[in-house]
Amino acid sequence: MSFCNRFLQRRPREDSSITQKAAAHGYNPNLWFNNVEIIASVEIGRQTVDYVRNIYTYYLTYKMVIARQAKSTEVKEKIEANKSSGL
């Protein structure tokens, strides 16, 4: 939730009222996606909610790219080690 709060750029009191409303509607106030997000879209507006979703999507994409690059480097190093040891 703290990740999303930074992008909402709202005062903590307003954030807590949104999470309280989410809890009152039966949503988990500690989860943004498909929970607080629903109430926030009504209270704040869809544009902010879409912005948070897009930023999070880019974050996950870059995180996966970095993990894949690290794995690729690891495999290349193992291949080079095997070549130099004569395997």
PDB file of N, CA and C in Angstrom:
ATOM      1  N   MET A   1       0.823  -1.197   0.000  1.00  0.00           N
ATOM      2  CA  MET A   1       0.000   0.000   0.000  1.00  0.00           C
ATOM      3  C   MET A   1       0.862   1.255   0.000  1.00  0.00           C
ATOM      4  N   SER A   2       2.018   1.240   0.653  1.00  0.00           N
ATOM      5  CA  SER A   2       2.852   2.435   0.707  1.00  0.00           C
ATOM      6  C   SER A   2       3.315   2.843  -0.687  1.00  0.00           C
ATOM      7  N   PHE A   3       3.559   1.869  -1.565  1.00  0.00           N
ATOM      8  CA  PHE A   3       3.937   2.166  -2.942  1.00  0.00           C
ATOM      9  C   PHE A   3       2.867   3.010  -3.608  1.00  0.00           C
ATOM     10  N   CYS A   4       1.637   2.626  -3.446  1.00  0.00           N
ATOM     11  CA  CYS A   4       0.533   3.343  -4.081  1.00  0.00           C
ATOM     12  C   CYS A   4       0.297   4.703  -3.441  1.00  0.00           C
ATOM     13  N   ASN A   5       0.492   4.813  -2.147  1.00  0.00           N
ATOM     14  CA  ASN A   5       0.294   6.093  -1.465  1.00  0.00           C
ATOM     15  C   ASN A   5       1.205   7.178  -2.011  1.00  0.00           C
ATOM     16  N   ARG A   6       2.443   6.808  -2.357  1.00  0.00           N
ATOM     17  CA  ARG A   6       3.374   7.799  -2.889  1.00  0.00           C
ATOM     18  C   ARG A   6       2.844   8.403  -4.174  1.00  0.00           C
ATOM     19  N   PHE A   7       2.184   7.594  -4.991  1.00  0.00           N
ATOM     20  CA  PHE A   7       1.703   8.085  -6.269  1.00  0.00           C
ATOM     21  C   PHE A   7       0.353   8.775  -6.157  1.00  0.00           C
ATOM     22  N   LEU A   8      -0.362   8.492  -5.132  1.00  0.00           N
ATOM     23  CA  LEU A   8      -1.638   9.178  -4.951  1.00  0.00           C
ATOM     24  C   LEU A   8      -1.430  10.639  -4.577  1.00  0.00           C
ATOM     25  N   GLN A   9      -0.299  10.943  -3.950  1.00  0.00           N
ATOM     26  CA  GLN A   9       0.050  12.293  -3.514  1.00  0.00           C
ATOM     27  C   GLN A   9      -1.097  12.919  -2.724  1.00  0.00           C
ATOM     28  N   ARG A  10      -1.594  12.178  -1.782  1.00  0.00           N
ATOM     29  CA  ARG A  10      -2.705  12.635  -0.954  1.00  0.00           C
ATOM     30  C   ARG A  10      -2.245  12.693   0.493  1.00  0.00           C
ATOM     31  N   ARG A  11      -2.951  13.469   1.268  1.00  0.00           N
ATOM     32  CA  ARG A  11      -2.624  13.551   2.692  1.00  0.00           C
ATOM     33  C   ARG A  11      -2.973  12.224   3.357  1.00  0.00           C
ATOM     34  N   PRO A  12      -2.193  11.819   4.370  1.00  0.00           N
ATOM     35  CA  PRO A  12      -2.451  10.540   5.049  1.00  0.00           C
ATOM     36  C   PRO A  12      -3.872  10.420   5.588  1.00  0.00           C
ATOM     37  N   ARG A  13      -4.438  11.524   6.054  1.00  0.00           N
ATOM     38  CA  ARG A  13      -5.799  11.484   6.583  1.00  0.00           C
ATOM     39  C   ARG A  13      -6.789  11.071   5.488  1.00  0.00           C
ATOM     40  N   GLU A  14      -6.586  11.592   4.276  1.00  0.00           N
ATOM     41  CA  GLU A  14      -7.464  11.233   3.164  1.00  0.00           C
ATOM     42  C   GLU A  14      -7.256   9.774   2.765  1.00  0.00           C
ATOM     43  N   ASP A  15      -5.995   9.332   2.804  1.00  0.00           N
ATOM     44  CA  ASP A  15      -5.715   7.931   2.477  1.00  0.00           C
ATOM     45  C   ASP A  15      -6.394   6.999   3.464  1.00  0.00           C
ATOM     46  N   SER A  16      -6.338   7.360   4.744  1.00  0.00           N
ATOM     47  CA  SER A  16      -6.942   6.485   5.738  1.00  0.00           C
ATOM     48  C   SER A  16      -8.453   6.466   5.594  1.00  0.00           C
ATOM     49  N   SER A  17      -9.047   7.580   5.156  1.00  0.00           N
ATOM     50  CA  SER A  17     -10.506   7.568   4.964  1.00  0.00           C
ATOM     51  C   SER A  17     -10.873   6.655   3.795  1.00  0.00           C
ATOM     52  N   ILE A  18     -10.025   6.619   2.783  1.00  0.00           N
ATOM     53  CA  ILE A  18     -10.287   5.729   1.643  1.00  0.00           C
ATOM     54  C   ILE A  18     -10.145   4.277   2.074  1.00  0.00           C
ATOM     55  N   THR A  19      -9.115   3.976   2.861  1.00  0.00           N
ATOM     56  CA  THR A  19      -8.950   2.596   3.323  1.00  0.00           C
ATOM     57  C   THR A  19     -10.065   2.204   4.281  1.00  0.00           C
ATOM     58  N   GLN A  20     -10.528   3.161   5.088  1.00  0.00           N
ATOM     59  CA  GLN A  20     -11.653   2.879   5.984  1.00  0.00           C
ATOM     60  C   GLN A  20     -12.926   2.596   5.185  1.00  0.00           C
ATOM     61  N   LYS A  21     -13.142   3.365   4.129  1.00  0.00           N
ATOM     62  CA  LYS A  21     -14.318   3.127   3.277  1.00  0.00           C
ATOM     63  C   LYS A  21     -14.210   1.772   2.587  1.00  0.00           C
ATOM     64  N   ALA A  22     -12.994   1.408   2.181  1.00  0.00           N
ATOM     65  CA  ALA A  22     -12.793   0.104   1.549  1.00  0.00           C
ATOM     66  C   ALA A  22     -13.143  -1.016   2.521  1.00  0.00           C
ATOM     67  N   ALA A  23     -12.684  -0.875   3.753  1.00  0.00           N
ATOM     68  CA  ALA A  23     -12.992  -1.882   4.778  1.00  0.00           C
ATOM     69  C   ALA A  23     -14.497  -1.952   5.037  1.00  0.00           C
ATOM     70  N   ALA A  24     -15.144  -0.788   5.055  1.00  0.00           N
ATOM     71  CA  ALA A  24     -16.589  -0.747   5.301  1.00  0.00           C
ATOM     72  C   ALA A  24     -17.376  -1.424   4.184  1.00  0.00           C
ATOM     73  N   HIS A  25     -16.806  -1.431   2.982  1.00  0.00           N
ATOM     74  CA  HIS A  25     -17.458  -2.080   1.842  1.00  0.00           C
ATOM     75  C   HIS A  25     -17.032  -3.540   1.672  1.00  0.00           C
ATOM     76  N   GLY A  26     -16.262  -4.044   2.624  1.00  0.00           N
ATOM     77  CA  GLY A  26     -15.870  -5.446   2.594  1.00  0.00           C
ATOM     78  C   GLY A  26     -14.582  -5.744   1.850  1.00  0.00           C
ATOM     79  N   TYR A  27     -13.852  -4.704   1.480  1.00  0.00           N
ATOM     80  CA  TYR A  27     -12.567  -4.901   0.801  1.00  0.00           C
ATOM     81  C   TYR A  27     -11.448  -4.932   1.833  1.00  0.00           C
ATOM     82  N   ASN A  28     -10.314  -5.492   1.443  1.00  0.00           N
ATOM     83  CA  ASN A  28      -9.145  -5.531   2.314  1.00  0.00           C
ATOM     84  C   ASN A  28      -8.469  -4.152   2.268  1.00  0.00           C
ATOM     85  N   PRO A  29      -8.417  -3.425   3.376  1.00  0.00           N
ATOM     86  CA  PRO A  29      -7.838  -2.084   3.362  1.00  0.00           C
ATOM     87  C   PRO A  29      -6.315  -2.070   3.207  1.00  0.00           C
ATOM     88  N   ASN A  30      -5.685  -3.238   3.275  1.00  0.00           N
ATOM     89  CA  ASN A  30      -4.224  -3.321   3.147  1.00  0.00           C
ATOM     90  C   ASN A  30      -3.769  -3.723   1.758  1.00  0.00           C
ATOM     91  N   LEU A  31      -4.699  -3.977   0.868  1.00  0.00           N
ATOM     92  CA  LEU A  31      -4.365  -4.343  -0.511  1.00  0.00           C
ATOM     93  C   LEU A  31      -4.901  -3.288  -1.461  1.00  0.00           C
ATOM     94  N   TRP A  32      -4.039  -2.826  -2.348  1.00  0.00           N
ATOM     95  CA  TRP A  32      -4.460  -1.794  -3.295  1.00  0.00           C
ATOM     96  C   TRP A  32      -5.289  -2.393  -4.427  1.00  0.00           C
ATOM     97  N   PHE A  33      -4.693  -3.301  -5.193  1.00  0.00           N
ATOM     98  CA  PHE A  33      -5.346  -3.783  -6.406  1.00  0.00           C
ATOM     99  C   PHE A  33      -6.586  -4.604  -6.082  1.00  0.00           C
ATOM    100  N   ASN A  34      -7.667  -4.269  -6.776  1.00  0.00           N
ATOM    101  CA  ASN A  34      -8.976  -4.916  -6.626  1.00  0.00           C
ATOM    102  C   ASN A  34      -9.546  -4.804  -5.220  1.00  0.00           C
ATOM    103  N   ASN A  35      -9.060  -3.868  -4.432  1.00  0.00           N
ATOM    104  CA  ASN A  35      -9.580  -3.622  -3.090  1.00  0.00           C
ATOM    105  C   ASN A  35      -9.720  -2.115  -2.892  1.00  0.00           C
ATOM    106  N   VAL A  36      -8.710  -1.475  -2.340  1.00  0.00           N
ATOM    107  CA  VAL A  36      -8.752  -0.030  -2.113  1.00  0.00           C
ATOM    108  C   VAL A  36      -8.867   0.708  -3.446  1.00  0.00           C
ATOM    109  N   GLU A  37      -8.296   0.147  -4.472  1.00  0.00           N
ATOM    110  CA  GLU A  37      -8.338   0.737  -5.809  1.00  0.00           C
ATOM    111  C   GLU A  37      -9.774   1.044  -6.245  1.00  0.00           C
ATOM    112  N   ILE A  38     -10.688   0.168  -5.923  1.00  0.00           N
ATOM    113  CA  ILE A  38     -12.084   0.335  -6.334  1.00  0.00           C
ATOM    114  C   ILE A  38     -12.695   1.564  -5.665  1.00  0.00           C
ATOM    115  N   ILE A  39     -12.463   1.709  -4.378  1.00  0.00           N
ATOM    116  CA  ILE A  39     -12.985   2.866  -3.653  1.00  0.00           C
ATOM    117  C   ILE A  39     -12.267   4.135  -4.104  1.00  0.00           C
ATOM    118  N   ALA A  40     -10.962   4.049  -4.313  1.00  0.00           N
ATOM    119  CA  ALA A  40     -10.186   5.211  -4.753  1.00  0.00           C
ATOM    120  C   ALA A  40     -10.665   5.721  -6.103  1.00  0.00           C
ATOM    121  N   SER A  41     -11.048   4.830  -6.992  1.00  0.00           N
ATOM    122  CA  SER A  41     -11.510   5.276  -8.307  1.00  0.00           C
ATOM    123  C   SER A  41     -12.786   6.098  -8.193  1.00  0.00           C
ATOM    124  N   VAL A  42     -13.606   5.781  -7.212  1.00  0.00           N
ATOM    125  CA  VAL A  42     -14.833   6.548  -6.985  1.00  0.00           C
ATOM    126  C   VAL A  42     -14.516   7.868  -6.272  1.00  0.00           C
ATOM    127  N   GLU A  43     -13.668   7.799  -5.253  1.00  0.00           N
ATOM    128  CA  GLU A  43     -13.375   8.969  -4.421  1.00  0.00           C
ATOM    129  C   GLU A  43     -12.421   9.964  -5.097  1.00  0.00           C
ATOM    130  N   ILE A  44     -11.367   9.456  -5.721  1.00  0.00           N
ATOM    131  CA  ILE A  44     -10.320  10.304  -6.283  1.00  0.00           C
ATOM    132  C   ILE A  44     -10.532  10.514  -7.772  1.00  0.00           C
ATOM    133  N   GLY A  45     -10.873   9.442  -8.441  1.00  0.00           N
ATOM    134  CA  GLY A  45     -11.045   9.498  -9.887  1.00  0.00           C
ATOM    135  C   GLY A  45     -10.228   8.414 -10.562  1.00  0.00           C
ATOM    136  N   ARG A  46     -10.674   8.014 -11.701  1.00  0.00           N
ATOM    137  CA  ARG A  46     -10.059   6.911 -12.427  1.00  0.00           C
ATOM    138  C   ARG A  46      -8.655   7.249 -12.922  1.00  0.00           C
ATOM    139  N   GLN A  47      -8.401   8.507 -13.236  1.00  0.00           N
ATOM    140  CA  GLN A  47      -7.100   8.883 -13.788  1.00  0.00           C
ATOM    141  C   GLN A  47      -5.960   8.539 -12.827  1.00  0.00           C
ATOM    142  N   THR A  48      -6.110   8.861 -11.572  1.00  0.00           N
ATOM    143  CA  THR A  48      -5.066   8.566 -10.578  1.00  0.00           C
ATOM    144  C   THR A  48      -4.892   7.064 -10.410  1.00  0.00           C
ATOM    145  N   VAL A  49      -5.996   6.341 -10.371  1.00  0.00           N
ATOM    146  CA  VAL A  49      -5.941   4.886 -10.210  1.00  0.00           C
ATOM    147  C   VAL A  49      -5.234   4.257 -11.417  1.00  0.00           C
ATOM    148  N   ASP A  50      -5.552   4.725 -12.613  1.00  0.00           N
ATOM    149  CA  ASP A  50      -4.880   4.215 -13.818  1.00  0.00           C
ATOM    150  C   ASP A  50      -3.393   4.530 -13.795  1.00  0.00           C
ATOM    151  N   TYR A  51      -3.045   5.709 -13.312  1.00  0.00           N
ATOM    152  CA  TYR A  51      -1.644   6.107 -13.216  1.00  0.00           C
ATOM    153  C   TYR A  51      -0.881   5.157 -12.296  1.00  0.00           C
ATOM    154  N   VAL A  52      -1.442   4.868 -11.146  1.00  0.00           N
ATOM    155  CA  VAL A  52      -0.798   3.958 -10.190  1.00  0.00           C
ATOM    156  C   VAL A  52      -0.637   2.585 -10.825  1.00  0.00           C
ATOM    157  N   ARG A  53      -1.669   2.096 -11.493  1.00  0.00           N
ATOM    158  CA  ARG A  53      -1.603   0.782 -12.143  1.00  0.00           C
ATOM    159  C   ARG A  53      -0.510   0.755 -13.210  1.00  0.00           C
ATOM    160  N   ASN A  54      -0.413   1.803 -14.003  1.00  0.00           N
ATOM    161  CA  ASN A  54       0.611   1.856 -15.052  1.00  0.00           C
ATOM    162  C   ASN A  54       2.015   1.883 -14.464  1.00  0.00           C
ATOM    163  N   ILE A  55       2.223   2.687 -13.435  1.00  0.00           N
ATOM    164  CA  ILE A  55       3.542   2.750 -12.801  1.00  0.00           C
ATOM    165  C   ILE A  55       3.913   1.390 -12.235  1.00  0.00           C
ATOM    166  N   TYR A  56       2.980   0.721 -11.597  1.00  0.00           N
ATOM    167  CA  TYR A  56       3.252  -0.597 -11.014  1.00  0.00           C
ATOM    168  C   TYR A  56       3.557  -1.625 -12.114  1.00  0.00           C
ATOM    169  N   THR A  57       2.849  -1.527 -13.229  1.00  0.00           N
ATOM    170  CA  THR A  57       3.097  -2.432 -14.355  1.00  0.00           C
ATOM    171  C   THR A  57       4.513  -2.243 -14.888  1.00  0.00           C
ATOM    172  N   TYR A  58       4.928  -0.980 -15.050  1.00  0.00           N
ATOM    173  CA  TYR A  58       6.292  -0.720 -15.516  1.00  0.00           C
ATOM    174  C   TYR A  58       7.318  -1.230 -14.501  1.00  0.00           C
ATOM    175  N   TYR A  59       7.052  -1.041 -13.229  1.00  0.00           N
ATOM    176  CA  TYR A  59       7.950  -1.521 -12.181  1.00  0.00           C
ATOM    177  C   TYR A  59       8.134  -3.030 -12.287  1.00  0.00           C
ATOM    178  N   LEU A  60       7.033  -3.759 -12.419  1.00  0.00           N
ATOM    179  CA  LEU A  60       7.129  -5.220 -12.527  1.00  0.00           C
ATOM    180  C   LEU A  60       7.863  -5.643 -13.798  1.00  0.00           C
ATOM    181  N   THR A  61       7.592  -4.946 -14.885  1.00  0.00           N
ATOM    182  CA  THR A  61       8.253  -5.271 -16.156  1.00  0.00           C
ATOM    183  C   THR A  61       9.766  -5.098 -16.028  1.00  0.00           C
ATOM    184  N   TYR A  62      10.200  -3.956 -15.512  1.00  0.00           N
ATOM    185  CA  TYR A  62      11.634  -3.724 -15.357  1.00  0.00           C
ATOM    186  C   TYR A  62      12.260  -4.705 -14.381  1.00  0.00           C
ATOM    187  N   LYS A  63      11.548  -5.062 -13.353  1.00  0.00           N
ATOM    188  CA  LYS A  63      12.051  -6.031 -12.379  1.00  0.00           C
ATOM    189  C   LYS A  63      12.274  -7.394 -13.052  1.00  0.00           C
ATOM    190  N   MET A  64      11.332  -7.798 -13.906  1.00  0.00           N
ATOM    191  CA  MET A  64      11.483  -9.076 -14.612  1.00  0.00           C
ATOM    192  C   MET A  64      12.613  -9.024 -15.631  1.00  0.00           C
ATOM    193  N   VAL A  65      12.785  -7.892 -16.298  1.00  0.00           N
ATOM    194  CA  VAL A  65      13.871  -7.753 -17.277  1.00  0.00           C
ATOM    195  C   VAL A  65      15.223  -7.869 -16.575  1.00  0.00           C
ATOM    196  N   ILE A  66      15.361  -7.218 -15.450  1.00  0.00           N
ATOM    197  CA  ILE A  66      16.621  -7.276 -14.703  1.00  0.00           C
ATOM    198  C   ILE A  66      16.905  -8.701 -14.227  1.00  0.00           C
ATOM    199  N   ALA A  67      15.874  -9.391 -13.749  1.00  0.00           N
ATOM    200  CA  ALA A  67      16.057 -10.778 -13.301  1.00  0.00           C
ATOM    201  C   ALA A  67      16.467 -11.669 -14.470  1.00  0.00           C
ATOM    202  N   ARG A  68      15.855 -11.445 -15.621  1.00  0.00           N
ATOM    203  CA  ARG A  68      16.193 -12.261 -16.798  1.00  0.00           C
ATOM    204  C   ARG A  68      17.624 -11.978 -17.259  1.00  0.00           C
ATOM    205  N   GLN A  69      18.038 -10.729 -17.225  1.00  0.00           N
ATOM    206  CA  GLN A  69      19.406 -10.388 -17.605  1.00  0.00           C
ATOM    207  C   GLN A  69      20.416 -11.021 -16.659  1.00  0.00           C
ATOM    208  N   ALA A  70      20.106 -11.028 -15.379  1.00  0.00           N
ATOM    209  CA  ALA A  70      21.002 -11.644 -14.399  1.00  0.00           C
ATOM    210  C   ALA A  70      21.118 -13.138 -14.661  1.00  0.00           C
ATOM    211  N   LYS A  71      20.002 -13.790 -14.948  1.00  0.00           N
ATOM    212  CA  LYS A  71      20.013 -15.225 -15.240  1.00  0.00           C
ATOM    213  C   LYS A  71      20.808 -15.501 -16.511  1.00  0.00           C
ATOM    214  N   SER A  72      20.631 -14.671 -17.518  1.00  0.00           N
ATOM    215  CA  SER A  72      21.362 -14.837 -18.775  1.00  0.00           C
ATOM    216  C   SER A  72      22.865 -14.701 -18.554  1.00  0.00           C
ATOM    217  N   THR A  73      23.257 -13.735 -17.763  1.00  0.00           N
ATOM    218  CA  THR A  73      24.680 -13.540 -17.449  1.00  0.00           C
ATOM    219  C   THR A  73      25.228 -14.741 -16.696  1.00  0.00           C
ATOM    220  N   GLU A  74      24.445 -15.260 -15.779  1.00  0.00           N
ATOM    221  CA  GLU A  74      24.859 -16.435 -15.004  1.00  0.00           C
ATOM    222  C   GLU A  74      25.075 -17.640 -15.924  1.00  0.00           C
ATOM    223  N   VAL A  75      24.165 -17.852 -16.849  1.00  0.00           N
ATOM    224  CA  VAL A  75      24.282 -18.985 -17.778  1.00  0.00           C
ATOM    225  C   VAL A  75      25.510 -18.802 -18.664  1.00  0.00           C
ATOM    226  N   LYS A  76      25.729 -17.596 -19.167  1.00  0.00           N
ATOM    227  CA  LYS A  76      26.892 -17.333 -20.020  1.00  0.00           C
ATOM    228  C   LYS A  76      28.194 -17.601 -19.269  1.00  0.00           C
ATOM    229  N   GLU A  77      28.243 -17.205 -18.009  1.00  0.00           N
ATOM    230  CA  GLU A  77      29.445 -17.433 -17.206  1.00  0.00           C
ATOM    231  C   GLU A  77      29.689 -18.917 -16.989  1.00  0.00           C
ATOM    232  N   LYS A  78      28.628 -19.692 -16.785  1.00  0.00           N
ATOM    233  CA  LYS A  78      28.775 -21.143 -16.623  1.00  0.00           C
ATOM    234  C   LYS A  78      29.278 -21.780 -17.906  1.00  0.00           C
ATOM    235  N   ILE A  79      28.767 -21.335 -19.041  1.00  0.00           N
ATOM    236  CA  ILE A  79      29.218 -21.874 -20.341  1.00  0.00           C
ATOM    237  C   ILE A  79      30.695 -21.572 -20.532  1.00  0.00           C
ATOM    238  N   GLU A  80      31.106 -20.338 -20.253  1.00  0.00           N
ATOM    239  CA  GLU A  80      32.510 -19.965 -20.403  1.00  0.00           C
ATOM    240  C   GLU A  80      33.401 -20.770 -19.451  1.00  0.00           C
ATOM    241  N   ALA A  81      32.923 -21.005 -18.229  1.00  0.00           N
ATOM    242  CA  ALA A  81      33.693 -21.783 -17.269  1.00  0.00           C
ATOM    243  C   ALA A  81      33.866 -23.236 -17.757  1.00  0.00           C
ATOM    244  N   ASN A  82      32.811 -23.763 -18.330  1.00  0.00           N
ATOM    245  CA  ASN A  82      32.877 -25.138 -18.851  1.00  0.00           C
ATOM    246  C   ASN A  82      33.808 -25.233 -20.043  1.00  0.00           C
ATOM    247  N   LYS A  83      33.809 -24.208 -20.903  1.00  0.00           N
ATOM    248  CA  LYS A  83      34.699 -24.206 -22.069  1.00  0.00           C
ATOM    249  C   LYS A  83      36.160 -24.134 -21.619  1.00  0.00           C
ATOM    250  N   SER A  84      36.420 -23.312 -20.648  1.00  0.00           N
ATOM    251  CA  SER A  84      37.816 -23.142 -20.218  1.00  0.00           C
ATOM    252  C   SER A  84      38.327 -24.339 -19.419  1.00  0.00           C
ATOM    253  N   SER A  85      37.416 -25.119 -18.825  1.00  0.00           N
ATOM    254  CA  SER A  85      37.840 -26.307 -18.084  1.00  0.00           C
ATOM    255  C   SER A  85      37.907 -27.542 -18.983  1.00  0.00           C
ATOM    256  N   GLY A  86      37.532 -27.348 -20.246  1.00  0.00           N
ATOM    257  CA  GLY A  86      37.637 -28.448 -21.211  1.00  0.00           C
ATOM    258  C   GLY A  86      36.461 -29.376 -21.247  1.00  0.00           C
ATOM    259  N   LEU A  87      35.333 -28.993 -20.693  1.00  0.00           N
ATOM    260  CA  LEU A  87      34.137 -29.869 -20.730  1.00  0.00           C
ATOM    261  C   LEU A  87      33.379 -29.732 -22.003  1.00  0.00           C
TER     262      LEU A  87
END
